[in-house]
Amino acid sequence: MAGRKRFVAVGNKWVEVSPDYEQPAPNRDSLLWNDRLYQDDGDPRYNSRAEHREYARRNNLSLASDYTETWAKAAKERAAWYQEGKDSTRREDVARALATHRSK
């Protein structure tokens, strides 16, 4: 392993480090998703999650969290559709595709 170089990403640059380099522990605040993101962002429109949601509501905007139930329902529908027997044409389509592939 002698002669191999090690690099770590620092910002948008790769920096060469020694073989015994240990990456520093991340700042715990950066790992947590909380209202601090809104406070530190400096956006004058809102300073908290509640204010952000209210801003979105007033301006007829949607947030990803608005679709949680929609996505959960769609996931259940997809799972049911993929279960064997729910789509009668699926088995025939797969068999036809295999036969076409094998005949080439």
N, C-alpha and C. Protein backbone atom coordinates (compact mmCIF):
# COMPACT_ATOMS: atom_id res chain seq x y z
N MET A 1 0.81 -1.17 0.00
CA MET A 1 0.00 0.00 0.00
C MET A 1 0.87 1.25 0.00
N ALA A 2 2.15 1.08 0.04
CA ALA A 2 3.05 2.23 0.02
C ALA A 2 2.91 2.96 -1.31
N GLY A 3 2.98 4.26 -1.25
CA GLY A 3 2.90 5.04 -2.47
C GLY A 3 1.50 5.45 -2.87
N ARG A 4 0.49 4.90 -2.23
CA ARG A 4 -0.89 5.30 -2.55
C ARG A 4 -1.21 6.61 -1.87
N LYS A 5 -1.91 7.46 -2.57
CA LYS A 5 -2.29 8.75 -2.02
C LYS A 5 -3.73 8.70 -1.54
N ARG A 6 -4.03 9.52 -0.53
CA ARG A 6 -5.39 9.62 0.01
C ARG A 6 -5.89 11.03 -0.15
N PHE A 7 -7.15 11.16 -0.53
CA PHE A 7 -7.75 12.47 -0.71
C PHE A 7 -9.08 12.50 0.02
N VAL A 8 -9.43 13.67 0.53
CA VAL A 8 -10.75 13.89 1.13
C VAL A 8 -11.33 15.15 0.50
N ALA A 9 -12.65 15.20 0.46
CA ALA A 9 -13.32 16.37 -0.09
C ALA A 9 -13.47 17.42 1.00
N VAL A 10 -12.99 18.61 0.71
CA VAL A 10 -13.15 19.75 1.61
C VAL A 10 -13.83 20.83 0.78
N GLY A 11 -15.11 21.04 1.07
CA GLY A 11 -15.89 21.95 0.23
C GLY A 11 -16.02 21.36 -1.17
N ASN A 12 -15.58 22.09 -2.17
CA ASN A 12 -15.64 21.61 -3.55
C ASN A 12 -14.29 21.18 -4.08
N LYS A 13 -13.32 20.97 -3.18
CA LYS A 13 -11.98 20.59 -3.61
C LYS A 13 -11.57 19.28 -2.96
N TRP A 14 -10.70 18.54 -3.66
CA TRP A 14 -10.10 17.33 -3.11
C TRP A 14 -8.73 17.70 -2.57
N VAL A 15 -8.47 17.31 -1.33
CA VAL A 15 -7.21 17.65 -0.65
C VAL A 15 -6.50 16.36 -0.30
N GLU A 16 -5.20 16.30 -0.61
CA GLU A 16 -4.41 15.12 -0.27
C GLU A 16 -4.13 15.13 1.23
N VAL A 17 -4.28 13.95 1.87
CA VAL A 17 -4.03 13.82 3.31
C VAL A 17 -3.08 12.67 3.55
N SER A 18 -2.52 12.63 4.75
CA SER A 18 -1.59 11.55 5.10
C SER A 18 -2.36 10.26 5.33
N PRO A 19 -1.69 9.11 5.27
CA PRO A 19 -2.38 7.83 5.46
C PRO A 19 -3.04 7.68 6.83
N ASP A 20 -2.54 8.39 7.85
CA ASP A 20 -3.12 8.26 9.19
C ASP A 20 -4.18 9.34 9.48
N TYR A 21 -4.58 10.08 8.47
CA TYR A 21 -5.57 11.15 8.64
C TYR A 21 -6.92 10.56 9.07
N GLU A 22 -7.54 11.19 10.05
CA GLU A 22 -8.89 10.81 10.48
C GLU A 22 -9.81 12.00 10.28
N GLN A 23 -10.92 11.75 9.67
CA GLN A 23 -11.87 12.82 9.40
C GLN A 23 -12.47 13.31 10.72
N PRO A 24 -12.55 14.63 10.91
CA PRO A 24 -13.13 15.16 12.15
C PRO A 24 -14.62 14.82 12.26
N ALA A 25 -15.08 14.70 13.47
CA ALA A 25 -16.50 14.41 13.70
C ALA A 25 -17.34 15.57 13.18
N PRO A 26 -18.48 15.26 12.55
CA PRO A 26 -19.32 16.34 12.03
C PRO A 26 -19.96 17.15 13.15
N ASN A 27 -20.29 18.37 12.86
CA ASN A 27 -21.00 19.24 13.80
C ASN A 27 -22.41 18.66 13.98
N ARG A 28 -22.78 18.38 15.20
CA ARG A 28 -24.09 17.75 15.46
C ARG A 28 -25.25 18.59 14.94
N ASP A 29 -25.13 19.92 15.00
CA ASP A 29 -26.21 20.78 14.53
C ASP A 29 -26.48 20.56 13.05
N SER A 30 -25.44 20.24 12.28
CA SER A 30 -25.65 20.06 10.85
C SER A 30 -26.35 18.74 10.55
N LEU A 31 -26.38 17.83 11.51
CA LEU A 31 -27.03 16.54 11.30
C LEU A 31 -28.51 16.58 11.64
N LEU A 32 -28.92 17.59 12.38
CA LEU A 32 -30.30 17.65 12.83
C LEU A 32 -31.11 18.57 11.93
N TRP A 33 -32.31 18.11 11.60
CA TRP A 33 -33.22 18.94 10.82
C TRP A 33 -34.16 19.58 11.81
N ASN A 34 -33.99 20.86 12.02
CA ASN A 34 -34.86 21.55 12.96
C ASN A 34 -35.04 22.99 12.51
N ASP A 35 -35.67 23.80 13.32
CA ASP A 35 -35.94 25.18 12.94
C ASP A 35 -34.68 26.03 12.83
N ARG A 36 -33.57 25.52 13.31
CA ARG A 36 -32.32 26.28 13.22
C ARG A 36 -31.96 26.54 11.76
N LEU A 37 -32.30 25.62 10.87
CA LEU A 37 -32.07 25.82 9.45
C LEU A 37 -32.77 27.09 8.98
N TYR A 38 -34.00 27.26 9.40
CA TYR A 38 -34.75 28.45 9.02
C TYR A 38 -34.15 29.71 9.64
N GLN A 39 -33.73 29.63 10.89
CA GLN A 39 -33.18 30.79 11.58
C GLN A 39 -31.86 31.23 10.96
N ASP A 40 -31.02 30.27 10.62
CA ASP A 40 -29.69 30.57 10.11
C ASP A 40 -29.69 30.89 8.62
N ASP A 41 -30.78 30.57 7.94
CA ASP A 41 -30.85 30.79 6.49
C ASP A 41 -30.89 32.27 6.14
N GLY A 42 -31.43 33.09 7.03
CA GLY A 42 -31.48 34.52 6.81
C GLY A 42 -32.57 34.96 5.84
N ASP A 43 -33.52 34.09 5.56
CA ASP A 43 -34.62 34.45 4.67
C ASP A 43 -35.59 35.34 5.44
N PRO A 44 -35.85 36.55 4.98
CA PRO A 44 -36.72 37.46 5.74
C PRO A 44 -38.20 37.04 5.74
N ARG A 45 -38.57 36.09 4.90
CA ARG A 45 -39.98 35.71 4.79
C ARG A 45 -40.43 34.83 5.95
N TYR A 46 -39.52 34.03 6.52
CA TYR A 46 -39.89 33.14 7.62
C TYR A 46 -38.66 32.75 8.41
N ASN A 47 -38.89 32.47 9.71
CA ASN A 47 -37.81 32.09 10.62
C ASN A 47 -38.06 30.76 11.31
N SER A 48 -39.12 30.08 10.95
CA SER A 48 -39.41 28.79 11.57
C SER A 48 -40.19 27.93 10.59
N ARG A 49 -40.30 26.68 10.93
CA ARG A 49 -41.06 25.75 10.08
C ARG A 49 -42.53 26.18 9.99
N ALA A 50 -43.09 26.60 11.13
CA ALA A 50 -44.49 27.04 11.15
C ALA A 50 -44.69 28.27 10.27
N GLU A 51 -43.76 29.22 10.34
CA GLU A 51 -43.86 30.41 9.49
C GLU A 51 -43.70 30.05 8.02
N HIS A 52 -42.83 29.07 7.72
CA HIS A 52 -42.64 28.63 6.34
C HIS A 52 -43.92 27.99 5.80
N ARG A 53 -44.54 27.15 6.61
CA ARG A 53 -45.79 26.52 6.19
C ARG A 53 -46.88 27.57 5.97
N GLU A 54 -46.96 28.55 6.87
CA GLU A 54 -47.95 29.62 6.73
C GLU A 54 -47.67 30.44 5.46
N TYR A 55 -46.41 30.73 5.19
CA TYR A 55 -46.02 31.46 3.98
C TYR A 55 -46.46 30.68 2.74
N ALA A 56 -46.21 29.38 2.74
CA ALA A 56 -46.60 28.55 1.59
C ALA A 56 -48.12 28.56 1.42
N ARG A 57 -48.85 28.46 2.52
CA ARG A 57 -50.31 28.46 2.45
C ARG A 57 -50.83 29.78 1.88
N ARG A 58 -50.30 30.90 2.38
CA ARG A 58 -50.73 32.23 1.91
C ARG A 58 -50.45 32.44 0.43
N ASN A 59 -49.37 31.85 -0.07
CA ASN A 59 -48.96 32.06 -1.45
C ASN A 59 -49.35 30.90 -2.37
N ASN A 60 -50.25 30.04 -1.88
CA ASN A 60 -50.75 28.92 -2.68
C ASN A 60 -49.61 28.04 -3.18
N LEU A 61 -48.65 27.75 -2.31
CA LEU A 61 -47.52 26.88 -2.62
C LEU A 61 -47.68 25.58 -1.87
N SER A 62 -47.03 24.54 -2.34
CA SER A 62 -47.09 23.27 -1.62
C SER A 62 -45.68 22.86 -1.20
N LEU A 63 -45.62 22.07 -0.15
CA LEU A 63 -44.38 21.52 0.37
C LEU A 63 -44.39 20.02 0.15
N ALA A 64 -43.24 19.41 0.15
CA ALA A 64 -43.17 17.96 -0.04
C ALA A 64 -43.99 17.23 1.02
N SER A 65 -44.02 17.77 2.24
CA SER A 65 -44.76 17.11 3.32
C SER A 65 -46.27 17.12 3.06
N ASP A 66 -46.74 17.97 2.16
CA ASP A 66 -48.17 17.99 1.82
C ASP A 66 -48.60 16.72 1.09
N TYR A 67 -47.63 15.97 0.56
CA TYR A 67 -47.95 14.80 -0.26
C TYR A 67 -47.67 13.47 0.43
N THR A 68 -47.39 13.51 1.73
CA THR A 68 -47.05 12.29 2.46
C THR A 68 -48.13 11.23 2.31
N GLU A 69 -49.38 11.60 2.54
CA GLU A 69 -50.48 10.63 2.43
C GLU A 69 -50.68 10.19 0.98
N THR A 70 -50.54 11.11 0.06
CA THR A 70 -50.69 10.78 -1.36
C THR A 70 -49.67 9.74 -1.78
N TRP A 71 -48.41 9.95 -1.38
CA TRP A 71 -47.35 9.01 -1.74
C TRP A 71 -47.54 7.67 -1.06
N ALA A 72 -47.99 7.66 0.20
CA ALA A 72 -48.23 6.40 0.91
C ALA A 72 -49.34 5.62 0.22
N LYS A 73 -50.42 6.31 -0.18
CA LYS A 73 -51.52 5.65 -0.88
C LYS A 73 -51.04 5.09 -2.22
N ALA A 74 -50.24 5.85 -2.95
CA ALA A 74 -49.73 5.40 -4.24
C ALA A 74 -48.82 4.18 -4.07
N ALA A 75 -48.03 4.16 -2.99
CA ALA A 75 -47.15 3.01 -2.73
C ALA A 75 -47.98 1.75 -2.49
N LYS A 76 -49.05 1.88 -1.74
CA LYS A 76 -49.94 0.73 -1.50
C LYS A 76 -50.57 0.26 -2.79
N GLU A 77 -51.00 1.20 -3.62
CA GLU A 77 -51.61 0.82 -4.90
C GLU A 77 -50.61 0.13 -5.81
N ARG A 78 -49.35 0.62 -5.83
CA ARG A 78 -48.32 -0.04 -6.64
C ARG A 78 -48.05 -1.44 -6.14
N ALA A 79 -47.95 -1.60 -4.83
CA ALA A 79 -47.69 -2.92 -4.25
C ALA A 79 -48.81 -3.89 -4.61
N ALA A 80 -50.06 -3.42 -4.53
CA ALA A 80 -51.19 -4.27 -4.89
C ALA A 80 -51.16 -4.62 -6.37
N TRP A 81 -50.79 -3.66 -7.22
CA TRP A 81 -50.76 -3.90 -8.66
C TRP A 81 -49.70 -4.91 -9.03
N TYR A 82 -48.55 -4.89 -8.32
CA TYR A 82 -47.46 -5.80 -8.63
C TYR A 82 -47.67 -7.20 -8.06
N GLN A 83 -48.61 -7.35 -7.14
CA GLN A 83 -48.85 -8.68 -6.58
C GLN A 83 -49.34 -9.60 -7.69
N GLU A 84 -48.91 -10.82 -7.63
CA GLU A 84 -49.28 -11.79 -8.66
C GLU A 84 -50.80 -11.93 -8.72
N GLY A 85 -51.33 -11.91 -9.90
CA GLY A 85 -52.75 -12.09 -10.09
C GLY A 85 -53.53 -10.80 -10.24
N LYS A 86 -52.97 -9.68 -9.84
CA LYS A 86 -53.68 -8.41 -9.95
C LYS A 86 -53.70 -7.90 -11.38
N ASP A 87 -52.65 -8.18 -12.13
CA ASP A 87 -52.58 -7.75 -13.52
C ASP A 87 -52.52 -9.00 -14.39
N SER A 88 -53.63 -9.36 -14.98
CA SER A 88 -53.71 -10.61 -15.72
C SER A 88 -52.85 -10.62 -16.97
N THR A 89 -52.53 -9.47 -17.51
CA THR A 89 -51.73 -9.43 -18.74
C THR A 89 -50.24 -9.46 -18.46
N ARG A 90 -49.84 -9.24 -17.24
CA ARG A 90 -48.42 -9.14 -16.93
C ARG A 90 -47.68 -10.45 -17.21
N ARG A 91 -48.22 -11.54 -16.78
CA ARG A 91 -47.58 -12.84 -16.98
C ARG A 91 -47.41 -13.13 -18.47
N GLU A 92 -48.45 -12.83 -19.25
CA GLU A 92 -48.37 -13.05 -20.70
C GLU A 92 -47.34 -12.13 -21.34
N ASP A 93 -47.26 -10.87 -20.89
CA ASP A 93 -46.28 -9.93 -21.43
C ASP A 93 -44.85 -10.39 -21.16
N VAL A 94 -44.60 -10.88 -19.96
CA VAL A 94 -43.26 -11.37 -19.61
C VAL A 94 -42.92 -12.59 -20.44
N ALA A 95 -43.86 -13.52 -20.58
CA ALA A 95 -43.63 -14.72 -21.38
C ALA A 95 -43.34 -14.35 -22.83
N ARG A 96 -44.08 -13.40 -23.38
CA ARG A 96 -43.87 -12.96 -24.76
C ARG A 96 -42.49 -12.31 -24.91
N ALA A 97 -42.11 -11.49 -23.95
CA ALA A 97 -40.80 -10.83 -24.00
C ALA A 97 -39.68 -11.84 -23.94
N LEU A 98 -39.81 -12.85 -23.08
CA LEU A 98 -38.78 -13.90 -22.99
C LEU A 98 -38.71 -14.69 -24.29
N ALA A 99 -39.85 -15.03 -24.86
CA ALA A 99 -39.85 -15.78 -26.11
C ALA A 99 -39.21 -14.98 -27.23
N THR A 100 -39.50 -13.70 -27.28
CA THR A 100 -38.90 -12.83 -28.30
C THR A 100 -37.39 -12.74 -28.12
N HIS A 101 -36.96 -12.60 -26.88
CA HIS A 101 -35.53 -12.49 -26.58
C HIS A 101 -34.82 -13.78 -26.94
N ARG A 102 -35.39 -14.91 -26.61
CA ARG A 102 -34.75 -16.21 -26.87
C ARG A 102 -34.70 -16.53 -28.36
N SER A 103 -35.63 -16.02 -29.13
CA SER A 103 -35.65 -16.33 -30.56
C SER A 103 -34.62 -15.52 -31.35
N LYS A 104 -34.03 -14.53 -30.73
CA LYS A 104 -33.02 -13.69 -31.44
C LYS A 104 -31.69 -14.34 -31.49
